[in-house]
Every structure is written in structure tokens, then in C-alpha cells.
Amino acid sequence: LISVKDEGMGIPRDKVEKIFERFYRV
């Protein structure tokens, strides 16, 4: 298991699963 954690602004809960889709930008 590998993980990379940042302290940025985060992603809304309903959009977390979509960030791996092509051309998707939060």
C-alpha cells in the first residue's frame, strides 16, 4: 500500500470518486 497525502484545499465528498475520470477537473 502506497499513499501520498497533501494539506491542500481538499475535494468535495461527492466528487472524490470522479477525479480519476479522464478530463475531469474539480
mmCIF file of all heavy atoms, coordinates in Angstrom:
data_MODEL
# 
_entry.id   MODEL 
# 
loop_
_atom_site.group_PDB 
_atom_site.id 
_atom_site.type_symbol 
_atom_site.label_atom_id 
_atom_site.label_alt_id 
_atom_site.label_comp_id 
_atom_site.label_asym_id 
_atom_site.label_entity_id 
_atom_site.label_seq_id 
_atom_site.pdbx_PDB_ins_code 
_atom_site.Cartn_x 
_atom_site.Cartn_y 
_atom_site.Cartn_z 
_atom_site.occupancy 
_atom_site.B_iso_or_equiv 
_atom_site.pdbx_formal_charge 
_atom_site.auth_seq_id 
_atom_site.auth_comp_id 
_atom_site.auth_asym_id 
_atom_site.auth_atom_id 
_atom_site.pdbx_PDB_model_num 
ATOM 1   N N   . LEU A 1 1  ? 0.846   -1.192 0.000   1.00 0.00 ? 1  LEU A N   1 
ATOM 2   C CA  . LEU A 1 1  ? 0.000   0.000  0.000   1.00 0.00 ? 1  LEU A CA  1 
ATOM 3   C C   . LEU A 1 1  ? 0.886   1.248  0.000   1.00 0.00 ? 1  LEU A C   1 
ATOM 4   O O   . LEU A 1 1  ? 1.740   1.421  0.875   1.00 0.00 ? 1  LEU A O   1 
ATOM 5   C CB  . LEU A 1 1  ? -0.924  -0.005 1.220   1.00 0.00 ? 1  LEU A CB  1 
ATOM 6   C CG  . LEU A 1 1  ? -1.827  1.221  1.401   1.00 0.00 ? 1  LEU A CG  1 
ATOM 7   C CD1 . LEU A 1 1  ? -2.804  1.340  0.247   1.00 0.00 ? 1  LEU A CD1 1 
ATOM 8   C CD2 . LEU A 1 1  ? -2.574  1.146  2.733   1.00 0.00 ? 1  LEU A CD2 1 
ATOM 9   N N   . ILE A 1 2  ? 0.661   2.133  -0.992  1.00 0.00 ? 2  ILE A N   1 
ATOM 10  C CA  . ILE A 1 2  ? 1.421   3.379  -1.117  1.00 0.00 ? 2  ILE A CA  1 
ATOM 11  C C   . ILE A 1 2  ? 0.428   4.537  -1.028  1.00 0.00 ? 2  ILE A C   1 
ATOM 12  O O   . ILE A 1 2  ? -0.654  4.493  -1.627  1.00 0.00 ? 2  ILE A O   1 
ATOM 13  C CB  . ILE A 1 2  ? 2.178   3.437  -2.472  1.00 0.00 ? 2  ILE A CB  1 
ATOM 14  C CG1 . ILE A 1 2  ? 3.083   2.207  -2.626  1.00 0.00 ? 2  ILE A CG1 1 
ATOM 15  C CG2 . ILE A 1 2  ? 2.983   4.728  -2.581  1.00 0.00 ? 2  ILE A CG2 1 
ATOM 16  C CD1 . ILE A 1 2  ? 2.519   1.116  -3.474  1.00 0.00 ? 2  ILE A CD1 1 
ATOM 17  N N   . SER A 1 3  ? 0.809   5.589  -0.296  1.00 0.00 ? 3  SER A N   1 
ATOM 18  C CA  . SER A 1 3  ? -0.066  6.758  -0.180  1.00 0.00 ? 3  SER A CA  1 
ATOM 19  C C   . SER A 1 3  ? 0.752   8.040  -0.238  1.00 0.00 ? 3  SER A C   1 
ATOM 20  O O   . SER A 1 3  ? 1.910   8.085  0.194   1.00 0.00 ? 3  SER A O   1 
ATOM 21  C CB  . SER A 1 3  ? -0.867  6.707  1.123   1.00 0.00 ? 3  SER A CB  1 
ATOM 22  O OG  . SER A 1 3  ? -0.019  6.840  2.249   1.00 0.00 ? 3  SER A OG  1 
ATOM 23  N N   . VAL A 1 4  ? 0.111   9.073  -0.811  1.00 0.00 ? 4  VAL A N   1 
ATOM 24  C CA  . VAL A 1 4  ? 0.707   10.418 -0.875  1.00 0.00 ? 4  VAL A CA  1 
ATOM 25  C C   . VAL A 1 4  ? -0.346  11.388 -0.351  1.00 0.00 ? 4  VAL A C   1 
ATOM 26  O O   . VAL A 1 4  ? -1.429  11.496 -0.944  1.00 0.00 ? 4  VAL A O   1 
ATOM 27  C CB  . VAL A 1 4  ? 1.120   10.777 -2.316  1.00 0.00 ? 4  VAL A CB  1 
ATOM 28  C CG1 . VAL A 1 4  ? 1.680   12.203 -2.347  1.00 0.00 ? 4  VAL A CG1 1 
ATOM 29  C CG2 . VAL A 1 4  ? 2.138   9.776  -2.857  1.00 0.00 ? 4  VAL A CG2 1 
ATOM 30  N N   . LYS A 1 5  ? -0.038  12.087 0.717   1.00 0.00 ? 5  LYS A N   1 
ATOM 31  C CA  . LYS A 1 5  ? -1.009  12.961 1.384   1.00 0.00 ? 5  LYS A CA  1 
ATOM 32  C C   . LYS A 1 5  ? -0.535  14.418 1.322   1.00 0.00 ? 5  LYS A C   1 
ATOM 33  O O   . LYS A 1 5  ? 0.637   14.713 1.603   1.00 0.00 ? 5  LYS A O   1 
ATOM 34  C CB  . LYS A 1 5  ? -1.190  12.542 2.842   1.00 0.00 ? 5  LYS A CB  1 
ATOM 35  C CG  . LYS A 1 5  ? -2.177  13.405 3.619   1.00 0.00 ? 5  LYS A CG  1 
ATOM 36  C CD  . LYS A 1 5  ? -2.287  12.941 5.055   1.00 0.00 ? 5  LYS A CD  1 
ATOM 37  C CE  . LYS A 1 5  ? -3.272  13.813 5.834   1.00 0.00 ? 5  LYS A CE  1 
ATOM 38  N NZ  . LYS A 1 5  ? -3.377  13.409 7.247   1.00 0.00 ? 5  LYS A NZ  1 
ATOM 39  N N   . ASP A 1 6  ? -1.439  15.327 0.902   1.00 0.00 ? 6  ASP A N   1 
ATOM 40  C CA  . ASP A 1 6  ? -1.111  16.761 0.900   1.00 0.00 ? 6  ASP A CA  1 
ATOM 41  C C   . ASP A 1 6  ? -2.001  17.482 1.894   1.00 0.00 ? 6  ASP A C   1 
ATOM 42  O O   . ASP A 1 6  ? -2.913  16.893 2.483   1.00 0.00 ? 6  ASP A O   1 
ATOM 43  C CB  . ASP A 1 6  ? -1.261  17.352 -0.504  1.00 0.00 ? 6  ASP A CB  1 
ATOM 44  C CG  . ASP A 1 6  ? -2.692  17.255 -1.013  1.00 0.00 ? 6  ASP A CG  1 
ATOM 45  O OD1 . ASP A 1 6  ? -3.613  17.723 -0.307  1.00 0.00 ? 6  ASP A OD1 1 
ATOM 46  O OD2 . ASP A 1 6  ? -2.909  16.698 -2.132  1.00 0.00 ? 6  ASP A OD2 1 
ATOM 47  N N   . GLU A 1 7  ? -1.741  18.772 2.083   1.00 0.00 ? 7  GLU A N   1 
ATOM 48  C CA  . GLU A 1 7  ? -2.533  19.587 3.014   1.00 0.00 ? 7  GLU A CA  1 
ATOM 49  C C   . GLU A 1 7  ? -3.221  20.705 2.257   1.00 0.00 ? 7  GLU A C   1 
ATOM 50  O O   . GLU A 1 7  ? -3.343  21.830 2.726   1.00 0.00 ? 7  GLU A O   1 
ATOM 51  C CB  . GLU A 1 7  ? -1.626  20.148 4.111   1.00 0.00 ? 7  GLU A CB  1 
ATOM 52  C CG  . GLU A 1 7  ? -1.020  19.068 5.000   1.00 0.00 ? 7  GLU A CG  1 
ATOM 53  C CD  . GLU A 1 7  ? -0.095  19.638 6.070   1.00 0.00 ? 7  GLU A CD  1 
ATOM 54  O OE1 . GLU A 1 7  ? 0.294   20.830 5.949   1.00 0.00 ? 7  GLU A OE1 1 
ATOM 55  O OE2 . GLU A 1 7  ? 0.243   18.905 7.014   1.00 0.00 ? 7  GLU A OE2 1 
ATOM 56  N N   . GLY A 1 8  ? -3.686  20.373 1.052   1.00 0.00 ? 8  GLY A N   1 
ATOM 57  C CA  . GLY A 1 8  ? -4.312  21.375 0.208   1.00 0.00 ? 8  GLY A CA  1 
ATOM 58  C C   . GLY A 1 8  ? -5.757  21.639 0.589   1.00 0.00 ? 8  GLY A C   1 
ATOM 59  O O   . GLY A 1 8  ? -6.209  21.326 1.696   1.00 0.00 ? 8  GLY A O   1 
ATOM 60  N N   . MET A 1 9  ? -6.501  22.169 -0.364  1.00 0.00 ? 9  MET A N   1 
ATOM 61  C CA  . MET A 1 9  ? -7.875  22.600 -0.079  1.00 0.00 ? 9  MET A CA  1 
ATOM 62  C C   . MET A 1 9  ? -8.855  21.425 -0.029  1.00 0.00 ? 9  MET A C   1 
ATOM 63  O O   . MET A 1 9  ? -9.995  21.596 0.403   1.00 0.00 ? 9  MET A O   1 
ATOM 64  C CB  . MET A 1 9  ? -8.327  23.597 -1.159  1.00 0.00 ? 9  MET A CB  1 
ATOM 65  C CG  . MET A 1 9  ? -8.334  23.007 -2.567  1.00 0.00 ? 9  MET A CG  1 
ATOM 66  S SD  . MET A 1 9  ? -8.826  24.223 -3.791  1.00 0.00 ? 9  MET A SD  1 
ATOM 67  C CE  . MET A 1 9  ? -8.721  23.233 -5.278  1.00 0.00 ? 9  MET A CE  1 
ATOM 68  N N   . GLY A 1 10 ? -8.431  20.230 -0.488  1.00 0.00 ? 10 GLY A N   1 
ATOM 69  C CA  . GLY A 1 10 ? -9.317  19.082 -0.423  1.00 0.00 ? 10 GLY A CA  1 
ATOM 70  C C   . GLY A 1 10 ? -10.311 19.037 -1.583  1.00 0.00 ? 10 GLY A C   1 
ATOM 71  O O   . GLY A 1 10 ? -10.380 19.940 -2.415  1.00 0.00 ? 10 GLY A O   1 
ATOM 72  N N   . ILE A 1 11 ? -11.090 17.965 -1.591  1.00 0.00 ? 11 ILE A N   1 
ATOM 73  C CA  . ILE A 1 11 ? -12.060 17.728 -2.670  1.00 0.00 ? 11 ILE A CA  1 
ATOM 74  C C   . ILE A 1 11 ? -13.418 17.473 -2.038  1.00 0.00 ? 11 ILE A C   1 
ATOM 75  O O   . ILE A 1 11 ? -13.522 16.744 -1.045  1.00 0.00 ? 11 ILE A O   1 
ATOM 76  C CB  . ILE A 1 11 ? -11.641 16.514 -3.524  1.00 0.00 ? 11 ILE A CB  1 
ATOM 77  C CG1 . ILE A 1 11 ? -10.219 16.709 -4.067  1.00 0.00 ? 11 ILE A CG1 1 
ATOM 78  C CG2 . ILE A 1 11 ? -12.623 16.283 -4.663  1.00 0.00 ? 11 ILE A CG2 1 
ATOM 79  C CD1 . ILE A 1 11 ? -9.654  15.476 -4.729  1.00 0.00 ? 11 ILE A CD1 1 
ATOM 80  N N   . PRO A 1 12 ? -14.498 18.023 -2.590  1.00 0.00 ? 12 PRO A N   1 
ATOM 81  C CA  . PRO A 1 12 ? -15.839 17.721 -2.055  1.00 0.00 ? 12 PRO A CA  1 
ATOM 82  C C   . PRO A 1 12 ? -16.116 16.211 -2.086  1.00 0.00 ? 12 PRO A C   1 
ATOM 83  O O   . PRO A 1 12 ? -15.671 15.490 -2.991  1.00 0.00 ? 12 PRO A O   1 
ATOM 84  C CB  . PRO A 1 12 ? -16.778 18.476 -3.014  1.00 0.00 ? 12 PRO A CB  1 
ATOM 85  C CG  . PRO A 1 12 ? -15.942 19.579 -3.562  1.00 0.00 ? 12 PRO A CG  1 
ATOM 86  C CD  . PRO A 1 12 ? -14.548 19.035 -3.664  1.00 0.00 ? 12 PRO A CD  1 
ATOM 87  N N   . ARG A 1 13 ? -16.864 15.759 -1.099  1.00 0.00 ? 13 ARG A N   1 
ATOM 88  C CA  . ARG A 1 13 ? -17.105 14.330 -0.940  1.00 0.00 ? 13 ARG A CA  1 
ATOM 89  C C   . ARG A 1 13 ? -17.771 13.709 -2.174  1.00 0.00 ? 13 ARG A C   1 
ATOM 90  O O   . ARG A 1 13 ? -17.450 12.590 -2.568  1.00 0.00 ? 13 ARG A O   1 
ATOM 91  C CB  . ARG A 1 13 ? -17.966 14.091 0.292   1.00 0.00 ? 13 ARG A CB  1 
ATOM 92  C CG  . ARG A 1 13 ? -18.239 12.626 0.568   1.00 0.00 ? 13 ARG A CG  1 
ATOM 93  C CD  . ARG A 1 13 ? -19.019 12.450 1.855   1.00 0.00 ? 13 ARG A CD  1 
ATOM 94  N NE  . ARG A 1 13 ? -18.269 12.960 2.986   1.00 0.00 ? 13 ARG A NE  1 
ATOM 95  C CZ  . ARG A 1 13 ? -18.748 12.962 4.250   1.00 0.00 ? 13 ARG A CZ  1 
ATOM 96  N NH1 . ARG A 1 13 ? -19.969 12.512 4.485   1.00 0.00 ? 13 ARG A NH1 1 
ATOM 97  N NH2 . ARG A 1 13 ? -18.023 13.429 5.242   1.00 0.00 ? 13 ARG A NH2 1 
ATOM 98  N N   . ASP A 1 14 ? -18.701 14.431 -2.784  1.00 0.00 ? 14 ASP A N   1 
ATOM 99  C CA  . ASP A 1 14 ? -19.417 13.871 -3.924  1.00 0.00 ? 14 ASP A CA  1 
ATOM 100 C C   . ASP A 1 14 ? -18.596 13.871 -5.209  1.00 0.00 ? 14 ASP A C   1 
ATOM 101 O O   . ASP A 1 14 ? -19.046 13.351 -6.237  1.00 0.00 ? 14 ASP A O   1 
ATOM 102 C CB  . ASP A 1 14 ? -20.718 14.644 -4.151  1.00 0.00 ? 14 ASP A CB  1 
ATOM 103 C CG  . ASP A 1 14 ? -20.447 16.127 -4.404  1.00 0.00 ? 14 ASP A CG  1 
ATOM 104 O OD1 . ASP A 1 14 ? -19.353 16.608 -4.042  1.00 0.00 ? 14 ASP A OD1 1 
ATOM 105 O OD2 . ASP A 1 14 ? -21.331 16.790 -4.970  1.00 0.00 ? 14 ASP A OD2 1 
ATOM 106 N N   . LYS A 1 15 ? -17.369 14.433 -5.153  1.00 0.00 ? 15 LYS A N   1 
ATOM 107 C CA  . LYS A 1 15 ? -16.540 14.496 -6.351  1.00 0.00 ? 15 LYS A CA  1 
ATOM 108 C C   . LYS A 1 15 ? -15.246 13.697 -6.219  1.00 0.00 ? 15 LYS A C   1 
ATOM 109 O O   . LYS A 1 15 ? -14.443 13.668 -7.152  1.00 0.00 ? 15 LYS A O   1 
ATOM 110 C CB  . LYS A 1 15 ? -16.199 15.950 -6.685  1.00 0.00 ? 15 LYS A CB  1 
ATOM 111 C CG  . LYS A 1 15 ? -17.426 16.804 -6.998  1.00 0.00 ? 15 LYS A CG  1 
ATOM 112 C CD  . LYS A 1 15 ? -17.046 18.220 -7.326  1.00 0.00 ? 15 LYS A CD  1 
ATOM 113 C CE  . LYS A 1 15 ? -18.296 19.056 -7.636  1.00 0.00 ? 15 LYS A CE  1 
ATOM 114 N NZ  . LYS A 1 15 ? -17.937 20.467 -7.953  1.00 0.00 ? 15 LYS A NZ  1 
ATOM 115 N N   . VAL A 1 16 ? -15.068 13.038 -5.075  1.00 0.00 ? 16 VAL A N   1 
ATOM 116 C CA  . VAL A 1 16 ? -13.809 12.314 -4.846  1.00 0.00 ? 16 VAL A CA  1 
ATOM 117 C C   . VAL A 1 16 ? -13.634 11.186 -5.851  1.00 0.00 ? 16 VAL A C   1 
ATOM 118 O O   . VAL A 1 16 ? -12.539 10.981 -6.399  1.00 0.00 ? 16 VAL A O   1 
ATOM 119 C CB  . VAL A 1 16 ? -13.766 11.772 -3.397  1.00 0.00 ? 16 VAL A CB  1 
ATOM 120 C CG1 . VAL A 1 16 ? -12.568 10.848 -3.216  1.00 0.00 ? 16 VAL A CG1 1 
ATOM 121 C CG2 . VAL A 1 16 ? -13.688 12.923 -2.401  1.00 0.00 ? 16 VAL A CG2 1 
ATOM 122 N N   . GLU A 1 17 ? -14.696 10.438 -6.114  1.00 0.00 ? 17 GLU A N   1 
ATOM 123 C CA  . GLU A 1 17 ? -14.595 9.281  -6.993  1.00 0.00 ? 17 GLU A CA  1 
ATOM 124 C C   . GLU A 1 17 ? -14.415 9.673  -8.460  1.00 0.00 ? 17 GLU A C   1 
ATOM 125 O O   . GLU A 1 17 ? -14.030 8.841  -9.282  1.00 0.00 ? 17 GLU A O   1 
ATOM 126 C CB  . GLU A 1 17 ? -15.837 8.398  -6.848  1.00 0.00 ? 17 GLU A CB  1 
ATOM 127 C CG  . GLU A 1 17 ? -15.987 7.785  -5.454  1.00 0.00 ? 17 GLU A CG  1 
ATOM 128 C CD  . GLU A 1 17 ? -17.204 6.893  -5.365  1.00 0.00 ? 17 GLU A CD  1 
ATOM 129 O OE1 . GLU A 1 17 ? -17.935 6.808  -6.375  1.00 0.00 ? 17 GLU A OE1 1 
ATOM 130 O OE2 . GLU A 1 17 ? -17.438 6.288  -4.305  1.00 0.00 ? 17 GLU A OE2 1 
ATOM 131 N N   . LYS A 1 18 ? -14.691 10.943 -8.806  1.00 0.00 ? 18 LYS A N   1 
ATOM 132 C CA  . LYS A 1 18 ? -14.629 11.361 -10.203 1.00 0.00 ? 18 LYS A CA  1 
ATOM 133 C C   . LYS A 1 18 ? -13.261 11.862 -10.635 1.00 0.00 ? 18 LYS A C   1 
ATOM 134 O O   . LYS A 1 18 ? -13.039 12.102 -11.817 1.00 0.00 ? 18 LYS A O   1 
ATOM 135 C CB  . LYS A 1 18 ? -15.661 12.460 -10.462 1.00 0.00 ? 18 LYS A CB  1 
ATOM 136 C CG  . LYS A 1 18 ? -17.099 11.999 -10.254 1.00 0.00 ? 18 LYS A CG  1 
ATOM 137 C CD  . LYS A 1 18 ? -18.075 13.121 -10.562 1.00 0.00 ? 18 LYS A CD  1 
ATOM 138 C CE  . LYS A 1 18 ? -19.517 12.683 -10.384 1.00 0.00 ? 18 LYS A CE  1 
ATOM 139 N NZ  . LYS A 1 18 ? -20.484 13.756 -10.704 1.00 0.00 ? 18 LYS A NZ  1 
ATOM 140 N N   . ILE A 1 19 ? -12.339 12.040 -9.678  1.00 0.00 ? 19 ILE A N   1 
ATOM 141 C CA  . ILE A 1 19 ? -11.064 12.668 -10.040 1.00 0.00 ? 19 ILE A CA  1 
ATOM 142 C C   . ILE A 1 19 ? -10.203 11.757 -10.895 1.00 0.00 ? 19 ILE A C   1 
ATOM 143 O O   . ILE A 1 19 ? -9.220  12.227 -11.502 1.00 0.00 ? 19 ILE A O   1 
ATOM 144 C CB  . ILE A 1 19 ? -10.277 13.089 -8.777  1.00 0.00 ? 19 ILE A CB  1 
ATOM 145 C CG1 . ILE A 1 19 ? -9.907  11.859 -7.946  1.00 0.00 ? 19 ILE A CG1 1 
ATOM 146 C CG2 . ILE A 1 19 ? -11.072 14.086 -7.957  1.00 0.00 ? 19 ILE A CG2 1 
ATOM 147 C CD1 . ILE A 1 19 ? -9.000  12.181 -6.768  1.00 0.00 ? 19 ILE A CD1 1 
ATOM 148 N N   . PHE A 1 20 ? -10.556 10.464 -10.962 1.00 0.00 ? 20 PHE A N   1 
ATOM 149 C CA  . PHE A 1 20 ? -9.777  9.544  -11.789 1.00 0.00 ? 20 PHE A CA  1 
ATOM 150 C C   . PHE A 1 20 ? -10.369 9.397  -13.185 1.00 0.00 ? 20 PHE A C   1 
ATOM 151 O O   . PHE A 1 20 ? -9.863  8.599  -13.983 1.00 0.00 ? 20 PHE A O   1 
ATOM 152 C CB  . PHE A 1 20 ? -9.687  8.170  -11.112 1.00 0.00 ? 20 PHE A CB  1 
ATOM 153 C CG  . PHE A 1 20 ? -8.960  8.198  -9.798  1.00 0.00 ? 20 PHE A CG  1 
ATOM 154 C CD1 . PHE A 1 20 ? -9.657  8.225  -8.605  1.00 0.00 ? 20 PHE A CD1 1 
ATOM 155 C CD2 . PHE A 1 20 ? -7.571  8.232  -9.753  1.00 0.00 ? 20 PHE A CD2 1 
ATOM 156 C CE1 . PHE A 1 20 ? -9.001  8.250  -7.388  1.00 0.00 ? 20 PHE A CE1 1 
ATOM 157 C CE2 . PHE A 1 20 ? -6.902  8.260  -8.534  1.00 0.00 ? 20 PHE A CE2 1 
ATOM 158 C CZ  . PHE A 1 20 ? -7.612  8.275  -7.346  1.00 0.00 ? 20 PHE A CZ  1 
ATOM 159 N N   . GLU A 1 21 ? -11.434 10.120 -13.476 1.00 0.00 ? 21 GLU A N   1 
ATOM 160 C CA  . GLU A 1 21 ? -12.008 10.085 -14.810 1.00 0.00 ? 21 GLU A CA  1 
ATOM 161 C C   . GLU A 1 21 ? -11.213 11.001 -15.738 1.00 0.00 ? 21 GLU A C   1 
ATOM 162 O O   . GLU A 1 21 ? -10.638 12.010 -15.307 1.00 0.00 ? 21 GLU A O   1 
ATOM 163 C CB  . GLU A 1 21 ? -13.472 10.524 -14.774 1.00 0.00 ? 21 GLU A CB  1 
ATOM 164 C CG  . GLU A 1 21 ? -14.360 9.587  -13.976 1.00 0.00 ? 21 GLU A CG  1 
ATOM 165 C CD  . GLU A 1 21 ? -15.800 10.056 -13.953 1.00 0.00 ? 21 GLU A CD  1 
ATOM 166 O OE1 . GLU A 1 21 ? -16.093 11.073 -14.631 1.00 0.00 ? 21 GLU A OE1 1 
ATOM 167 O OE2 . GLU A 1 21 ? -16.627 9.427  -13.252 1.00 0.00 ? 21 GLU A OE2 1 
ATOM 168 N N   . ARG A 1 22 ? -11.227 10.674 -17.007 1.00 0.00 ? 22 ARG A N   1 
ATOM 169 C CA  . ARG A 1 22 ? -10.457 11.453 -17.983 1.00 0.00 ? 22 ARG A CA  1 
ATOM 170 C C   . ARG A 1 22 ? -11.068 12.839 -18.175 1.00 0.00 ? 22 ARG A C   1 
ATOM 171 O O   . ARG A 1 22 ? -12.288 12.983 -18.240 1.00 0.00 ? 22 ARG A O   1 
ATOM 172 C CB  . ARG A 1 22 ? -10.416 10.711 -19.323 1.00 0.00 ? 22 ARG A CB  1 
ATOM 173 C CG  . ARG A 1 22 ? -9.783  9.333  -19.224 1.00 0.00 ? 22 ARG A CG  1 
ATOM 174 C CD  . ARG A 1 22 ? -9.802  8.611  -20.544 1.00 0.00 ? 22 ARG A CD  1 
ATOM 175 N NE  . ARG A 1 22 ? -9.283  7.244  -20.401 1.00 0.00 ? 22 ARG A NE  1 
ATOM 176 C CZ  . ARG A 1 22 ? -9.133  6.396  -21.400 1.00 0.00 ? 22 ARG A CZ  1 
ATOM 177 N NH1 . ARG A 1 22 ? -9.478  6.775  -22.630 1.00 0.00 ? 22 ARG A NH1 1 
ATOM 178 N NH2 . ARG A 1 22 ? -8.649  5.192  -21.190 1.00 0.00 ? 22 ARG A NH2 1 
ATOM 179 N N   . PHE A 1 23 ? -10.206 13.844 -18.220 1.00 0.00 ? 23 PHE A N   1 
ATOM 180 C CA  . PHE A 1 23 ? -10.548 15.241 -18.467 1.00 0.00 ? 23 PHE A CA  1 
ATOM 181 C C   . PHE A 1 23 ? -11.344 15.866 -17.313 1.00 0.00 ? 23 PHE A C   1 
ATOM 182 O O   . PHE A 1 23 ? -11.864 16.962 -17.459 1.00 0.00 ? 23 PHE A O   1 
ATOM 183 C CB  . PHE A 1 23 ? -11.355 15.389 -19.774 1.00 0.00 ? 23 PHE A CB  1 
ATOM 184 C CG  . PHE A 1 23 ? -10.649 14.866 -20.976 1.00 0.00 ? 23 PHE A CG  1 
ATOM 185 C CD1 . PHE A 1 23 ? -11.039 13.663 -21.557 1.00 0.00 ? 23 PHE A CD1 1 
ATOM 186 C CD2 . PHE A 1 23 ? -9.587  15.562 -21.534 1.00 0.00 ? 23 PHE A CD2 1 
ATOM 187 C CE1 . PHE A 1 23 ? -10.395 13.174 -22.673 1.00 0.00 ? 23 PHE A CE1 1 
ATOM 188 C CE2 . PHE A 1 23 ? -8.949  15.091 -22.652 1.00 0.00 ? 23 PHE A CE2 1 
ATOM 189 C CZ  . PHE A 1 23 ? -9.345  13.879 -23.221 1.00 0.00 ? 23 PHE A CZ  1 
ATOM 190 N N   . TYR A 1 24 ? -11.456 15.145 -16.169 1.00 0.00 ? 24 TYR A N   1 
ATOM 191 C CA  . TYR A 1 24 ? -12.242 15.711 -15.074 1.00 0.00 ? 24 TYR A CA  1 
ATOM 192 C C   . TYR A 1 24 ? -11.348 16.636 -14.244 1.00 0.00 ? 24 TYR A C   1 
ATOM 193 O O   . TYR A 1 24 ? -10.217 16.294 -13.878 1.00 0.00 ? 24 TYR A O   1 
ATOM 194 C CB  . TYR A 1 24 ? -12.808 14.608 -14.178 1.00 0.00 ? 24 TYR A CB  1 
ATOM 195 C CG  . TYR A 1 24 ? -13.679 15.165 -13.078 1.00 0.00 ? 24 TYR A CG  1 
ATOM 196 C CD1 . TYR A 1 24 ? -14.996 15.535 -13.327 1.00 0.00 ? 24 TYR A CD1 1 
ATOM 197 C CD2 . TYR A 1 24 ? -13.167 15.351 -11.797 1.00 0.00 ? 24 TYR A CD2 1 
ATOM 198 C CE1 . TYR A 1 24 ? -15.782 16.070 -12.333 1.00 0.00 ? 24 TYR A CE1 1 
ATOM 199 C CE2 . TYR A 1 24 ? -13.954 15.884 -10.792 1.00 0.00 ? 24 TYR A CE2 1 
ATOM 200 C CZ  . TYR A 1 24 ? -15.265 16.250 -11.058 1.00 0.00 ? 24 TYR A CZ  1 
ATOM 201 O OH  . TYR A 1 24 ? -16.047 16.783 -10.071 1.00 0.00 ? 24 TYR A OH  1 
ATOM 202 N N   . ARG A 1 25 ? -11.887 17.846 -13.923 1.00 0.00 ? 25 ARG A N   1 
ATOM 203 C CA  . ARG A 1 25 ? -11.199 18.805 -13.069 1.00 0.00 ? 25 ARG A CA  1 
ATOM 204 C C   . ARG A 1 25 ? -12.173 19.290 -12.020 1.00 0.00 ? 25 ARG A C   1 
ATOM 205 O O   . ARG A 1 25 ? -13.304 19.678 -12.333 1.00 0.00 ? 25 ARG A O   1 
ATOM 206 C CB  . ARG A 1 25 ? -10.690 20.006 -13.885 1.00 0.00 ? 25 ARG A CB  1 
ATOM 207 C CG  . ARG A 1 25 ? -9.687  19.667 -14.975 1.00 0.00 ? 25 ARG A CG  1 
ATOM 208 C CD  . ARG A 1 25 ? -9.270  20.940 -15.695 1.00 0.00 ? 25 ARG A CD  1 
ATOM 209 N NE  . ARG A 1 25 ? -8.282  20.699 -16.732 1.00 0.00 ? 25 ARG A NE  1 
ATOM 210 C CZ  . ARG A 1 25 ? -8.585  20.414 -17.990 1.00 0.00 ? 25 ARG A CZ  1 
ATOM 211 N NH1 . ARG A 1 25 ? -9.850  20.348 -18.354 1.00 0.00 ? 25 ARG A NH1 1 
ATOM 212 N NH2 . ARG A 1 25 ? -7.622  20.207 -18.868 1.00 0.00 ? 25 ARG A NH2 1 
ATOM 213 N N   . VAL A 1 26 ? -11.738 19.268 -10.767 1.00 0.00 ? 26 VAL A N   1 
ATOM 214 C CA  . VAL A 1 26 ? -12.595 19.779 -9.683  1.00 0.00 ? 26 VAL A CA  1 
ATOM 215 C C   . VAL A 1 26 ? -12.755 21.288 -9.839  1.00 0.00 ? 26 VAL A C   1 
ATOM 216 O O   . VAL A 1 26 ? -13.853 21.833 -9.775  1.00 0.00 ? 26 VAL A O   1 
ATOM 217 C CB  . VAL A 1 26 ? -11.994 19.429 -8.310  1.00 0.00 ? 26 VAL A CB  1 
ATOM 218 C CG1 . VAL A 1 26 ? -12.868 20.003 -7.204  1.00 0.00 ? 26 VAL A CG1 1 
ATOM 219 C CG2 . VAL A 1 26 ? -11.869 17.919 -8.159  1.00 0.00 ? 26 VAL A CG2 1 
# 
